[in-house]
Amino acid sequence: MASVAIAYARAFADVVMEAHLNADEVQKQLDNFLGIWWESDDLREVFLDPSFPADQKVAILDKLNERLGMSQQVRNFLAVLIQHDRMDVLGEILDEYRKETDRRLGISEIQVTTARALEADERRGIEQQVAVMTGTRVRAQYFEDKSLLGGVVVRVGSTVYDGSVRGRLERLRKQLAG
């Protein structure tokens, strides 16, 4: 199903870019819908039931949209997924959409792991350093791992930059042993 998710994600990213929509606003609208999707077992049951007519599912989507206020493009995208019976891979499609828009907008998703919680200025400093290093804007997720002892581990895609005390000690141990 990955190729199906990628195809829908790319097509929707094309629509968003061609219509010059604010990607952050579109993402917020999708996140709002996804929040309701995961909160409501009944909604998922109806949208995933192949015996329930697609036009009635779209009518439910339109009723939801009165409350959510999604753009016409977001509403239409979800309607297409409903009509093509692809709501079972909604999460995967939206993950791929986010990756695709990030790629097109030059945003790198990074994971930062530290031994303690960082202050806002420390986070900004790390994000600025990584942005300079990668030549992209960054969106960071932060994690804590007390076993690091200190320092920071940054993952950018499949590349890991280990500046932790634990990592330094491990490299020193290998040097001394070898």
N, C-alpha and C. Protein backbone atom coordinates (compact mmCIF):
# COMPACT_ATOMS: atom_id res chain seq x y z
N MET A 1 0.81 -1.21 0.00
CA MET A 1 0.00 0.00 0.00
C MET A 1 0.85 1.27 0.00
N ALA A 2 2.14 1.13 0.24
CA ALA A 2 2.99 2.32 0.30
C ALA A 2 2.95 3.10 -1.01
N SER A 3 2.98 2.40 -2.15
CA SER A 3 2.97 3.11 -3.43
C SER A 3 1.64 3.83 -3.64
N VAL A 4 0.54 3.26 -3.16
CA VAL A 4 -0.76 3.93 -3.26
C VAL A 4 -0.75 5.19 -2.42
N ALA A 5 -0.24 5.08 -1.20
CA ALA A 5 -0.17 6.24 -0.31
C ALA A 5 0.69 7.33 -0.91
N ILE A 6 1.82 6.96 -1.47
CA ILE A 6 2.72 7.94 -2.08
C ILE A 6 2.04 8.63 -3.27
N ALA A 7 1.34 7.87 -4.08
CA ALA A 7 0.67 8.45 -5.25
C ALA A 7 -0.38 9.48 -4.84
N TYR A 8 -1.22 9.13 -3.87
CA TYR A 8 -2.23 10.09 -3.39
C TYR A 8 -1.56 11.30 -2.74
N ALA A 9 -0.52 11.06 -1.96
CA ALA A 9 0.18 12.15 -1.27
C ALA A 9 0.78 13.13 -2.27
N ARG A 10 1.43 12.61 -3.27
CA ARG A 10 2.05 13.48 -4.29
C ARG A 10 1.01 14.26 -5.07
N ALA A 11 -0.08 13.59 -5.41
CA ALA A 11 -1.14 14.28 -6.15
C ALA A 11 -1.73 15.42 -5.32
N PHE A 12 -1.96 15.16 -4.03
CA PHE A 12 -2.51 16.21 -3.18
C PHE A 12 -1.49 17.33 -2.98
N ALA A 13 -0.22 16.98 -2.82
CA ALA A 13 0.82 18.01 -2.70
C ALA A 13 0.85 18.89 -3.95
N ASP A 14 0.65 18.28 -5.13
CA ASP A 14 0.57 19.06 -6.37
C ASP A 14 -0.57 20.07 -6.29
N VAL A 15 -1.73 19.63 -5.81
CA VAL A 15 -2.90 20.51 -5.70
C VAL A 15 -2.60 21.66 -4.75
N VAL A 16 -2.02 21.35 -3.60
CA VAL A 16 -1.72 22.37 -2.59
C VAL A 16 -0.74 23.40 -3.15
N MET A 17 0.30 22.92 -3.82
CA MET A 17 1.32 23.84 -4.36
C MET A 17 0.76 24.67 -5.52
N GLU A 18 0.01 24.04 -6.42
CA GLU A 18 -0.53 24.76 -7.57
C GLU A 18 -1.56 25.81 -7.15
N ALA A 19 -2.28 25.55 -6.06
CA ALA A 19 -3.27 26.50 -5.57
C ALA A 19 -2.65 27.53 -4.63
N HIS A 20 -1.34 27.41 -4.40
CA HIS A 20 -0.60 28.32 -3.51
C HIS A 20 -1.24 28.39 -2.12
N LEU A 21 -1.65 27.22 -1.62
CA LEU A 21 -2.22 27.16 -0.28
C LEU A 21 -1.10 27.18 0.75
N ASN A 22 -1.40 27.65 1.93
CA ASN A 22 -0.44 27.64 3.03
C ASN A 22 -0.34 26.20 3.53
N ALA A 23 0.83 25.58 3.34
CA ALA A 23 1.01 24.17 3.69
C ALA A 23 0.78 23.92 5.18
N ASP A 24 1.15 24.86 6.02
CA ASP A 24 0.93 24.69 7.47
C ASP A 24 -0.56 24.69 7.79
N GLU A 25 -1.32 25.55 7.12
CA GLU A 25 -2.76 25.61 7.34
C GLU A 25 -3.43 24.33 6.84
N VAL A 26 -3.00 23.85 5.69
CA VAL A 26 -3.54 22.59 5.16
C VAL A 26 -3.24 21.46 6.13
N GLN A 27 -2.01 21.42 6.65
CA GLN A 27 -1.64 20.37 7.60
C GLN A 27 -2.51 20.45 8.85
N LYS A 28 -2.78 21.67 9.31
CA LYS A 28 -3.63 21.84 10.50
C LYS A 28 -5.04 21.30 10.23
N GLN A 29 -5.56 21.59 9.04
CA GLN A 29 -6.89 21.09 8.68
C GLN A 29 -6.91 19.56 8.64
N LEU A 30 -5.88 18.98 8.05
CA LEU A 30 -5.78 17.52 8.00
C LEU A 30 -5.65 16.93 9.40
N ASP A 31 -4.84 17.58 10.24
CA ASP A 31 -4.67 17.11 11.62
C ASP A 31 -5.99 17.19 12.39
N ASN A 32 -6.76 18.25 12.17
CA ASN A 32 -8.06 18.38 12.83
C ASN A 32 -9.00 17.24 12.41
N PHE A 33 -9.02 16.95 11.11
CA PHE A 33 -9.85 15.85 10.64
C PHE A 33 -9.35 14.53 11.23
N LEU A 34 -8.05 14.33 11.21
CA LEU A 34 -7.48 13.10 11.73
C LEU A 34 -7.78 12.93 13.22
N GLY A 35 -7.80 14.03 13.96
CA GLY A 35 -8.15 13.97 15.37
C GLY A 35 -9.55 13.42 15.57
N ILE A 36 -10.49 13.90 14.78
CA ILE A 36 -11.87 13.41 14.85
C ILE A 36 -11.93 11.96 14.39
N TRP A 37 -11.18 11.65 13.34
CA TRP A 37 -11.12 10.29 12.80
C TRP A 37 -10.72 9.29 13.88
N TRP A 38 -9.67 9.62 14.64
CA TRP A 38 -9.19 8.68 15.67
C TRP A 38 -10.05 8.70 16.93
N GLU A 39 -10.75 9.80 17.18
CA GLU A 39 -11.61 9.88 18.37
C GLU A 39 -12.92 9.11 18.19
N SER A 40 -13.39 9.00 16.96
CA SER A 40 -14.72 8.45 16.72
C SER A 40 -14.66 7.07 16.07
N ASP A 41 -14.91 6.05 16.87
CA ASP A 41 -15.00 4.70 16.33
C ASP A 41 -16.13 4.60 15.31
N ASP A 42 -17.23 5.29 15.60
CA ASP A 42 -18.39 5.25 14.70
C ASP A 42 -18.07 5.83 13.33
N LEU A 43 -17.35 6.95 13.32
CA LEU A 43 -16.98 7.58 12.05
C LEU A 43 -16.10 6.64 11.23
N ARG A 44 -15.09 6.09 11.88
CA ARG A 44 -14.21 5.15 11.17
C ARG A 44 -14.99 3.95 10.65
N GLU A 45 -15.90 3.44 11.47
CA GLU A 45 -16.67 2.27 11.07
C GLU A 45 -17.49 2.56 9.81
N VAL A 46 -18.15 3.72 9.78
CA VAL A 46 -18.96 4.09 8.62
C VAL A 46 -18.06 4.30 7.39
N PHE A 47 -16.98 5.07 7.55
CA PHE A 47 -16.13 5.38 6.40
C PHE A 47 -15.38 4.15 5.88
N LEU A 48 -15.16 3.17 6.71
CA LEU A 48 -14.44 1.97 6.29
C LEU A 48 -15.37 0.85 5.82
N ASP A 49 -16.67 1.03 6.01
CA ASP A 49 -17.64 0.01 5.62
C ASP A 49 -17.91 0.09 4.12
N PRO A 50 -17.49 -0.92 3.35
CA PRO A 50 -17.68 -0.87 1.89
C PRO A 50 -19.16 -0.96 1.47
N SER A 51 -20.04 -1.42 2.36
CA SER A 51 -21.45 -1.52 2.00
C SER A 51 -22.18 -0.19 2.18
N PHE A 52 -21.55 0.75 2.85
CA PHE A 52 -22.15 2.08 3.06
C PHE A 52 -21.84 2.93 1.82
N PRO A 53 -22.85 3.49 1.15
CA PRO A 53 -22.62 4.22 -0.12
C PRO A 53 -21.67 5.42 0.04
N ALA A 54 -20.79 5.58 -0.94
CA ALA A 54 -19.79 6.65 -0.91
C ALA A 54 -20.44 8.03 -0.85
N ASP A 55 -21.54 8.22 -1.57
CA ASP A 55 -22.18 9.55 -1.56
C ASP A 55 -22.70 9.90 -0.16
N GLN A 56 -23.12 8.91 0.60
CA GLN A 56 -23.56 9.17 1.97
C GLN A 56 -22.36 9.47 2.88
N LYS A 57 -21.25 8.81 2.60
CA LYS A 57 -20.02 9.09 3.37
C LYS A 57 -19.56 10.52 3.11
N VAL A 58 -19.63 10.94 1.85
CA VAL A 58 -19.24 12.31 1.50
C VAL A 58 -20.19 13.31 2.15
N ALA A 59 -21.46 12.96 2.24
CA ALA A 59 -22.42 13.84 2.92
C ALA A 59 -22.05 13.99 4.40
N ILE A 60 -21.59 12.90 5.01
CA ILE A 60 -21.13 12.97 6.40
C ILE A 60 -19.89 13.85 6.49
N LEU A 61 -18.99 13.70 5.53
CA LEU A 61 -17.79 14.55 5.48
C LEU A 61 -18.20 16.01 5.39
N ASP A 62 -19.16 16.32 4.54
CA ASP A 62 -19.59 17.71 4.39
C ASP A 62 -20.22 18.24 5.68
N LYS A 63 -20.94 17.41 6.38
CA LYS A 63 -21.52 17.81 7.66
C LYS A 63 -20.40 18.10 8.66
N LEU A 64 -19.39 17.24 8.69
CA LEU A 64 -18.22 17.46 9.55
C LEU A 64 -17.51 18.75 9.17
N ASN A 65 -17.44 19.00 7.88
CA ASN A 65 -16.72 20.17 7.40
C ASN A 65 -17.39 21.47 7.82
N GLU A 66 -18.68 21.44 8.06
CA GLU A 66 -19.36 22.64 8.57
C GLU A 66 -18.74 23.05 9.91
N ARG A 67 -18.32 22.07 10.68
CA ARG A 67 -17.70 22.34 11.98
C ARG A 67 -16.20 22.59 11.85
N LEU A 68 -15.55 21.87 10.92
CA LEU A 68 -14.09 21.97 10.81
C LEU A 68 -13.63 23.15 9.96
N GLY A 69 -14.40 23.54 8.96
CA GLY A 69 -14.02 24.65 8.10
C GLY A 69 -12.80 24.38 7.24
N MET A 70 -12.74 23.18 6.67
CA MET A 70 -11.61 22.84 5.79
C MET A 70 -11.73 23.58 4.47
N SER A 71 -10.60 23.81 3.83
CA SER A 71 -10.61 24.43 2.51
C SER A 71 -11.27 23.46 1.53
N GLN A 72 -11.70 24.00 0.40
CA GLN A 72 -12.34 23.16 -0.63
C GLN A 72 -11.39 22.06 -1.09
N GLN A 73 -10.08 22.38 -1.20
CA GLN A 73 -9.12 21.39 -1.67
C GLN A 73 -8.95 20.25 -0.68
N VAL A 74 -8.92 20.55 0.61
CA VAL A 74 -8.78 19.50 1.63
C VAL A 74 -10.05 18.65 1.64
N ARG A 75 -11.19 19.30 1.61
CA ARG A 75 -12.46 18.56 1.57
C ARG A 75 -12.51 17.65 0.36
N ASN A 76 -12.13 18.17 -0.82
CA ASN A 76 -12.17 17.38 -2.04
C ASN A 76 -11.20 16.20 -1.97
N PHE A 77 -10.03 16.43 -1.40
CA PHE A 77 -9.05 15.35 -1.25
C PHE A 77 -9.63 14.22 -0.41
N LEU A 78 -10.23 14.56 0.71
CA LEU A 78 -10.82 13.53 1.57
C LEU A 78 -11.99 12.85 0.85
N ALA A 79 -12.77 13.61 0.09
CA ALA A 79 -13.88 13.01 -0.67
C ALA A 79 -13.35 12.02 -1.71
N VAL A 80 -12.25 12.35 -2.35
CA VAL A 80 -11.65 11.42 -3.32
C VAL A 80 -11.21 10.13 -2.63
N LEU A 81 -10.60 10.27 -1.46
CA LEU A 81 -10.19 9.07 -0.71
C LEU A 81 -11.40 8.22 -0.35
N ILE A 82 -12.49 8.87 0.03
CA ILE A 82 -13.72 8.15 0.36
C ILE A 82 -14.26 7.44 -0.89
N GLN A 83 -14.35 8.17 -1.98
CA GLN A 83 -14.93 7.63 -3.21
C GLN A 83 -14.10 6.48 -3.79
N HIS A 84 -12.79 6.52 -3.56
CA HIS A 84 -11.92 5.45 -4.07
C HIS A 84 -11.62 4.39 -3.02
N ASP A 85 -12.38 4.45 -1.92
CA ASP A 85 -12.27 3.45 -0.85
C ASP A 85 -10.83 3.32 -0.34
N ARG A 86 -10.22 4.48 -0.02
CA ARG A 86 -8.83 4.52 0.46
C ARG A 86 -8.72 5.03 1.89
N MET A 87 -9.81 5.15 2.60
CA MET A 87 -9.75 5.65 3.97
C MET A 87 -9.02 4.68 4.90
N ASP A 88 -8.90 3.42 4.48
CA ASP A 88 -8.17 2.46 5.31
C ASP A 88 -6.67 2.76 5.37
N VAL A 89 -6.18 3.57 4.45
CA VAL A 89 -4.76 3.96 4.46
C VAL A 89 -4.60 5.47 4.68
N LEU A 90 -5.60 6.08 5.29
CA LEU A 90 -5.58 7.53 5.52
C LEU A 90 -4.32 7.97 6.27
N GLY A 91 -4.01 7.32 7.37
CA GLY A 91 -2.83 7.70 8.15
C GLY A 91 -1.55 7.64 7.33
N GLU A 92 -1.40 6.58 6.57
CA GLU A 92 -0.21 6.40 5.73
C GLU A 92 -0.14 7.47 4.64
N ILE A 93 -1.28 7.78 4.03
CA ILE A 93 -1.32 8.81 2.99
C ILE A 93 -0.93 10.17 3.58
N LEU A 94 -1.47 10.49 4.75
CA LEU A 94 -1.17 11.79 5.36
C LEU A 94 0.29 11.87 5.82
N ASP A 95 0.87 10.75 6.27
CA ASP A 95 2.30 10.73 6.60
C ASP A 95 3.14 11.02 5.35
N GLU A 96 2.78 10.37 4.26
CA GLU A 96 3.51 10.58 3.00
C GLU A 96 3.31 12.00 2.48
N TYR A 97 2.11 12.54 2.65
CA TYR A 97 1.84 13.92 2.22
C TYR A 97 2.76 14.89 2.98
N ARG A 98 2.87 14.69 4.29
CA ARG A 98 3.72 15.59 5.09
C ARG A 98 5.18 15.50 4.62
N LYS A 99 5.65 14.29 4.39
CA LYS A 99 7.03 14.11 3.90
C LYS A 99 7.22 14.80 2.55
N GLU A 100 6.24 14.65 1.68
CA GLU A 100 6.33 15.24 0.34
C GLU A 100 6.33 16.76 0.40
N THR A 101 5.45 17.35 1.19
CA THR A 101 5.43 18.81 1.27
C THR A 101 6.70 19.33 1.95
N ASP A 102 7.18 18.62 2.96
CA ASP A 102 8.45 19.01 3.59
C ASP A 102 9.58 19.01 2.57
N ARG A 103 9.62 17.96 1.76
CA ARG A 103 10.67 17.86 0.73
C ARG A 103 10.57 19.02 -0.25
N ARG A 104 9.37 19.32 -0.69
CA ARG A 104 9.17 20.40 -1.67
C ARG A 104 9.47 21.78 -1.07
N LEU A 105 9.23 21.93 0.22
CA LEU A 105 9.45 23.22 0.87
C LEU A 105 10.85 23.33 1.49
N GLY A 106 11.66 22.28 1.36
CA GLY A 106 13.02 22.32 1.90
C GLY A 106 13.06 22.27 3.42
N ILE A 107 12.22 21.43 3.99
CA ILE A 107 12.17 21.29 5.45
C ILE A 107 12.69 19.91 5.82
N SER A 108 13.63 19.87 6.75
CA SER A 108 14.15 18.59 7.25
C SER A 108 13.52 18.29 8.60
N GLU A 109 13.05 17.07 8.73
CA GLU A 109 12.51 16.60 10.01
C GLU A 109 13.70 16.04 10.79
N ILE A 110 13.90 16.55 12.00
CA ILE A 110 15.02 16.07 12.82
C ILE A 110 14.50 15.58 14.16
N GLN A 111 15.26 14.66 14.73
CA GLN A 111 14.97 14.17 16.07
C GLN A 111 16.15 14.51 16.95
N VAL A 112 15.88 15.18 18.05
CA VAL A 112 16.93 15.61 18.97
C VAL A 112 16.70 14.90 20.30
N THR A 113 17.72 14.18 20.75
CA THR A 113 17.62 13.47 22.03
C THR A 113 18.67 14.04 22.97
N THR A 114 18.23 14.40 24.17
CA THR A 114 19.12 14.97 25.18
C THR A 114 18.86 14.28 26.52
N ALA A 115 19.79 14.46 27.44
CA ALA A 115 19.66 13.85 28.76
C ALA A 115 18.64 14.59 29.63
N ARG A 116 18.36 15.83 29.28
CA ARG A 116 17.42 16.63 30.07
C ARG A 116 16.59 17.49 29.13
N ALA A 117 15.50 18.02 29.67
CA ALA A 117 14.66 18.92 28.87
C ALA A 117 15.44 20.19 28.54
N LEU A 118 15.29 20.67 27.32
CA LEU A 118 16.00 21.87 26.89
C LEU A 118 15.11 23.09 27.01
N GLU A 119 15.74 24.22 27.30
CA GLU A 119 15.05 25.51 27.30
C GLU A 119 14.79 25.92 25.85
N ALA A 120 13.86 26.84 25.65
CA ALA A 120 13.50 27.29 24.31
C ALA A 120 14.70 27.84 23.54
N ASP A 121 15.56 28.61 24.21
CA ASP A 121 16.73 29.18 23.51
C ASP A 121 17.72 28.08 23.12
N GLU A 122 17.84 27.04 23.93
CA GLU A 122 18.72 25.92 23.58
C GLU A 122 18.17 25.18 22.36
N ARG A 123 16.87 24.99 22.32
CA ARG A 123 16.24 24.34 21.17
C ARG A 123 16.46 25.14 19.90
N ARG A 124 16.23 26.47 20.00
CA ARG A 124 16.44 27.34 18.83
C ARG A 124 17.88 27.24 18.35
N GLY A 125 18.83 27.21 19.28
CA GLY A 125 20.25 27.12 18.91
C GLY A 125 20.56 25.84 18.15
N ILE A 126 20.05 24.73 18.64
CA ILE A 126 20.27 23.45 17.96
C ILE A 126 19.63 23.47 16.58
N GLU A 127 18.39 23.96 16.50
CA GLU A 127 17.69 24.01 15.22
C GLU A 127 18.42 24.90 14.23
N GLN A 128 18.97 26.03 14.69
CA GLN A 128 19.72 26.92 13.80
C GLN A 128 20.99 26.24 13.31
N GLN A 129 21.70 25.55 14.19
CA GLN A 129 22.93 24.85 13.79
C GLN A 129 22.64 23.78 12.76
N VAL A 130 21.58 23.01 12.98
CA VAL A 130 21.23 21.95 12.03
C VAL A 130 20.76 22.56 10.71
N ALA A 131 20.03 23.67 10.77
CA ALA A 131 19.58 24.33 9.55
C ALA A 131 20.77 24.79 8.71
N VAL A 132 21.78 25.34 9.35
CA VAL A 132 22.99 25.77 8.64
C VAL A 132 23.70 24.55 8.05
N MET A 133 23.80 23.50 8.85
CA MET A 133 24.50 22.28 8.43
C MET A 133 23.81 21.62 7.23
N THR A 134 22.46 21.59 7.23
CA THR A 134 21.73 20.90 6.17
C THR A 134 21.33 21.82 5.02
N GLY A 135 21.36 23.12 5.27
CA GLY A 135 20.92 24.05 4.24
C GLY A 135 19.41 24.05 4.05
N THR A 136 18.68 23.57 5.06
CA THR A 136 17.22 23.52 5.00
C THR A 136 16.64 24.13 6.26
N ARG A 137 15.34 24.38 6.23
CA ARG A 137 14.63 24.70 7.47
C ARG A 137 14.43 23.38 8.20
N VAL A 138 14.27 23.44 9.51
CA VAL A 138 14.09 22.20 10.25
C VAL A 138 12.81 22.21 11.07
N ARG A 139 12.27 21.03 11.24
CA ARG A 139 11.14 20.79 12.15
C ARG A 139 11.67 19.73 13.10
N ALA A 140 11.74 20.07 14.37
CA ALA A 140 12.40 19.19 15.34
C ALA A 140 11.40 18.55 16.29
N GLN A 141 11.70 17.30 16.62
CA GLN A 141 11.02 16.58 17.69
C GLN A 141 12.07 16.35 18.76
N TYR A 142 11.68 16.54 20.00
CA TYR A 142 12.63 16.42 21.11
C TYR A 142 12.27 15.24 22.00
N PHE A 143 13.32 14.54 22.42
CA PHE A 143 13.17 13.39 23.29
C PHE A 143 14.19 13.48 24.41
N GLU A 144 13.89 12.86 25.53
CA GLU A 144 14.83 12.79 26.65
C GLU A 144 15.27 11.36 26.85
N ASP A 145 16.56 11.20 27.15
CA ASP A 145 17.13 9.90 27.46
C ASP A 145 18.22 10.12 28.50
N LYS A 146 17.91 9.85 29.74
CA LYS A 146 18.84 10.10 30.87
C LYS A 146 20.15 9.32 30.71
N SER A 147 20.11 8.21 29.96
CA SER A 147 21.33 7.41 29.81
C SER A 147 22.40 8.11 28.97
N LEU A 148 22.05 9.21 28.31
CA LEU A 148 23.05 9.94 27.52
C LEU A 148 24.06 10.67 28.41
N LEU A 149 23.70 10.91 29.65
CA LEU A 149 24.52 11.61 30.64
C LEU A 149 24.62 13.10 30.38
N GLY A 150 24.70 13.50 29.16
CA GLY A 150 24.81 14.90 28.77
C GLY A 150 25.00 14.99 27.28
N GLY A 151 25.01 16.19 26.73
CA GLY A 151 25.20 16.37 25.30
C GLY A 151 23.91 16.14 24.53
N VAL A 152 24.06 15.88 23.24
CA VAL A 152 22.90 15.78 22.37
C VAL A 152 23.18 14.78 21.24
N VAL A 153 22.12 14.07 20.83
CA VAL A 153 22.15 13.21 19.65
C VAL A 153 21.10 13.76 18.69
N VAL A 154 21.53 14.04 17.44
CA VAL A 154 20.63 14.59 16.44
C VAL A 154 20.55 13.61 15.28
N ARG A 155 19.31 13.27 14.90
CA ARG A 155 19.09 12.40 13.74
C ARG A 155 18.44 13.25 12.65
N VAL A 156 19.10 13.29 11.49
CA VAL A 156 18.58 13.97 10.31
C VAL A 156 18.45 12.90 9.24
N GLY A 157 17.22 12.47 8.98
CA GLY A 157 17.03 11.36 8.05
C GLY A 157 17.68 10.11 8.63
N SER A 158 18.60 9.52 7.87
CA SER A 158 19.27 8.31 8.35
C SER A 158 20.64 8.61 8.95
N THR A 159 21.01 9.89 9.02
CA THR A 159 22.31 10.28 9.57
C THR A 159 22.16 10.67 11.04
N VAL A 160 23.06 10.13 11.87
CA VAL A 160 23.02 10.42 13.30
C VAL A 160 24.30 11.16 13.68
N TYR A 161 24.12 12.28 14.37
CA TYR A 161 25.24 13.05 14.90
C TYR A 161 25.21 12.87 16.41
N ASP A 162 26.18 12.15 16.94
CA ASP A 162 26.19 11.82 18.36
C ASP A 162 27.21 12.68 19.09
N GLY A 163 26.71 13.68 19.78
CA GLY A 163 27.56 14.53 20.61
C GLY A 163 27.27 14.32 22.08
N SER A 164 26.77 13.13 22.41
CA SER A 164 26.43 12.84 23.80
C SER A 164 27.67 12.40 24.57
N VAL A 165 27.62 12.55 25.87
CA VAL A 165 28.71 12.09 26.73
C VAL A 165 28.84 10.57 26.58
N ARG A 166 27.72 9.86 26.57
CA ARG A 166 27.76 8.41 26.41
C ARG A 166 28.44 8.03 25.09
N GLY A 167 28.11 8.74 24.01
CA GLY A 167 28.72 8.47 22.70
C GLY A 167 30.21 8.75 22.71
N ARG A 168 30.61 9.84 23.34
CA ARG A 168 32.04 10.17 23.42
C ARG A 168 32.79 9.12 24.22
N LEU A 169 32.20 8.68 25.32
CA LEU A 169 32.85 7.64 26.14
C LEU A 169 32.97 6.34 25.36
N GLU A 170 31.96 6.00 24.59
CA GLU A 170 32.00 4.76 23.77
C GLU A 170 33.11 4.88 22.71
N ARG A 171 33.22 6.04 22.07
CA ARG A 171 34.28 6.21 21.06
C ARG A 171 35.66 6.15 21.70
N LEU A 172 35.80 6.74 22.89
CA LEU A 172 37.07 6.69 23.62
C LEU A 172 37.42 5.25 24.01
N ARG A 173 36.43 4.50 24.46
CA ARG A 173 36.64 3.09 24.84
C ARG A 173 37.14 2.31 23.64
N LYS A 174 36.55 2.53 22.47
CA LYS A 174 36.96 1.83 21.25
C LYS A 174 38.39 2.20 20.86
N GLN A 175 38.73 3.48 21.01
CA GLN A 175 40.10 3.91 20.70
C GLN A 175 41.13 3.25 21.60
N LEU A 176 40.79 3.21 22.89
CA LEU A 176 41.71 2.62 23.85
C LEU A 176 41.82 1.11 23.68
N ALA A 177 40.75 0.46 23.26
CA ALA A 177 40.75 -0.99 23.08
C ALA A 177 41.44 -1.37 21.77
N GLY A 178 41.44 -0.48 20.80
CA GLY A 178 41.94 -0.83 19.47
C GLY A 178 43.29 -0.35 19.26
